[in-house]
Amino acid sequence: MNTCPPSSVLSSSTSWSGPIGLMVESEQNLDEKKQQEQHQQHLDEARQTRRSWARSKRISVFNANETRMRVAFCELALNF
């Protein structure tokens, strides 16, 4: 029984190597996949940086608001 796909099924970016039936990806495909993985990693790092910045911004705004509220409370308490 032949387990190899017909040649019309194979894309132009694949090649056959070794014993019949083993498909090996071309070096170009491996390079493209590596570039895509690196690009995705870069996007993930950028997203994490934006999240960290946003979290820091929320914390600083919260702290500033808390400080304003404490000052206002102290001023209010001093006026009584």
C-alpha atoms as a PDB file:
ATOM      1  CA  MET A   1       0.000   0.000   0.000  1.00  0.00           C
ATOM      2  CA  ASN A   2       1.382   3.403  -0.994  1.00  0.00           C
ATOM      3  CA  THR A   3       1.225   5.946   1.881  1.00  0.00           C
ATOM      4  CA  CYS A   4       2.737   8.834  -0.066  1.00  0.00           C
ATOM      5  CA  PRO A   5       0.392  11.580  -1.267  1.00  0.00           C
ATOM      6  CA  PRO A   6       0.235  12.199  -5.008  1.00  0.00           C
ATOM      7  CA  SER A   7       2.645  14.837  -6.257  1.00  0.00           C
ATOM      8  CA  SER A   8      -0.265  17.139  -7.150  1.00  0.00           C
ATOM      9  CA  VAL A   9      -1.079  17.417  -3.415  1.00  0.00           C
ATOM     10  CA  LEU A  10       2.376  18.641  -2.441  1.00  0.00           C
ATOM     11  CA  SER A  11       2.914  22.374  -2.270  1.00  0.00           C
ATOM     12  CA  SER A  12       5.893  23.938  -3.944  1.00  0.00           C
ATOM     13  CA  SER A  13       7.412  24.780  -0.556  1.00  0.00           C
ATOM     14  CA  THR A  14       7.885  21.174   0.529  1.00  0.00           C
ATOM     15  CA  SER A  15      10.430  18.608  -0.503  1.00  0.00           C
ATOM     16  CA  TRP A  16      10.912  14.906   0.005  1.00  0.00           C
ATOM     17  CA  SER A  17      14.011  13.617   1.709  1.00  0.00           C
ATOM     18  CA  GLY A  18      15.130  10.313   3.163  1.00  0.00           C
ATOM     19  CA  PRO A  19      13.006   7.206   2.960  1.00  0.00           C
ATOM     20  CA  ILE A  20       9.856   7.391   0.889  1.00  0.00           C
ATOM     21  CA  GLY A  21       6.984   8.762   2.925  1.00  0.00           C
ATOM     22  CA  LEU A  22       8.904  11.243   5.086  1.00  0.00           C
ATOM     23  CA  MET A  23       8.127  14.863   4.338  1.00  0.00           C
ATOM     24  CA  VAL A  24      10.745  17.444   5.296  1.00  0.00           C
ATOM     25  CA  GLU A  25      10.039  21.169   5.397  1.00  0.00           C
ATOM     26  CA  SER A  26      12.309  23.316   3.312  1.00  0.00           C
ATOM     27  CA  GLU A  27      14.851  25.566   4.973  1.00  0.00           C
ATOM     28  CA  GLN A  28      12.953  28.588   3.665  1.00  0.00           C
ATOM     29  CA  ASN A  29       9.784  27.482   5.465  1.00  0.00           C
ATOM     30  CA  LEU A  30      11.710  26.983   8.686  1.00  0.00           C
ATOM     31  CA  ASP A  31      13.221  30.478   8.370  1.00  0.00           C
ATOM     32  CA  GLU A  32       9.780  31.973   7.726  1.00  0.00           C
ATOM     33  CA  LYS A  33       8.335  30.204  10.769  1.00  0.00           C
ATOM     34  CA  LYS A  34      11.241  31.420  12.910  1.00  0.00           C
ATOM     35  CA  GLN A  35      10.672  35.000  11.708  1.00  0.00           C
ATOM     36  CA  GLN A  36       6.953  34.720  12.464  1.00  0.00           C
ATOM     37  CA  GLU A  37       7.681  33.402  15.957  1.00  0.00           C
ATOM     38  CA  GLN A  38      10.149  36.226  16.608  1.00  0.00           C
ATOM     39  CA  HIS A  39       7.625  38.780  15.345  1.00  0.00           C
ATOM     40  CA  GLN A  40       4.918  37.308  17.592  1.00  0.00           C
ATOM     41  CA  GLN A  41       7.300  37.387  20.551  1.00  0.00           C
ATOM     42  CA  HIS A  42       8.029  41.065  19.815  1.00  0.00           C
ATOM     43  CA  LEU A  43       4.283  41.810  19.695  1.00  0.00           C
ATOM     44  CA  ASP A  44       3.764  39.974  22.995  1.00  0.00           C
ATOM     45  CA  GLU A  45       6.575  41.954  24.644  1.00  0.00           C
ATOM     46  CA  ALA A  46       5.146  45.244  23.358  1.00  0.00           C
ATOM     47  CA  ARG A  47       1.689  44.294  24.638  1.00  0.00           C
ATOM     48  CA  GLN A  48       3.123  43.434  28.058  1.00  0.00           C
ATOM     49  CA  THR A  49       4.976  46.770  28.155  1.00  0.00           C
ATOM     50  CA  ARG A  50       1.734  48.642  27.391  1.00  0.00           C
ATOM     51  CA  ARG A  51      -0.079  46.684  30.114  1.00  0.00           C
ATOM     52  CA  SER A  52       2.651  47.457  32.642  1.00  0.00           C
ATOM     53  CA  TRP A  53       2.574  51.143  31.712  1.00  0.00           C
ATOM     54  CA  ALA A  54      -1.212  51.259  32.006  1.00  0.00           C
ATOM     55  CA  ARG A  55      -1.095  49.534  35.388  1.00  0.00           C
ATOM     56  CA  SER A  56       1.534  51.985  36.636  1.00  0.00           C
ATOM     57  CA  LYS A  57      -0.560  54.884  35.354  1.00  0.00           C
ATOM     58  CA  ARG A  58      -3.670  53.599  37.155  1.00  0.00           C
ATOM     59  CA  ILE A  59      -1.701  53.188  40.381  1.00  0.00           C
ATOM     60  CA  SER A  60      -0.222  56.692  40.171  1.00  0.00           C
ATOM     61  CA  VAL A  61      -3.633  58.245  39.410  1.00  0.00           C
ATOM     62  CA  PHE A  62      -5.149  56.316  42.314  1.00  0.00           C
ATOM     63  CA  ASN A  63      -2.376  57.475  44.657  1.00  0.00           C
ATOM     64  CA  ALA A  64      -2.754  61.078  43.492  1.00  0.00           C
ATOM     65  CA  ASN A  65      -6.513  60.952  44.050  1.00  0.00           C
ATOM     66  CA  GLU A  66      -6.035  59.371  47.466  1.00  0.00           C
ATOM     67  CA  THR A  67      -3.566  62.125  48.423  1.00  0.00           C
ATOM     68  CA  ARG A  68      -5.995  64.838  47.258  1.00  0.00           C
ATOM     69  CA  MET A  69      -8.775  63.257  49.298  1.00  0.00           C
ATOM     70  CA  ARG A  70      -6.587  63.138  52.421  1.00  0.00           C
ATOM     71  CA  VAL A  71      -5.574  66.778  51.997  1.00  0.00           C
ATOM     72  CA  ALA A  72      -9.190  67.799  51.482  1.00  0.00           C
ATOM     73  CA  PHE A  73     -10.249  65.818  54.555  1.00  0.00           C
ATOM     74  CA  CYS A  74      -7.520  67.434  56.678  1.00  0.00           C
ATOM     75  CA  GLU A  75      -8.501  70.907  55.478  1.00  0.00           C
ATOM     76  CA  LEU A  76     -12.119  70.135  56.212  1.00  0.00           C
ATOM     77  CA  ALA A  77     -11.233  68.846  59.692  1.00  0.00           C
ATOM     78  CA  LEU A  78      -9.154  71.967  60.431  1.00  0.00           C
ATOM     79  CA  ASN A  79     -12.078  74.224  59.513  1.00  0.00           C
ATOM     80  CA  PHE A  80     -14.293  72.732  62.227  1.00  0.00           C
END
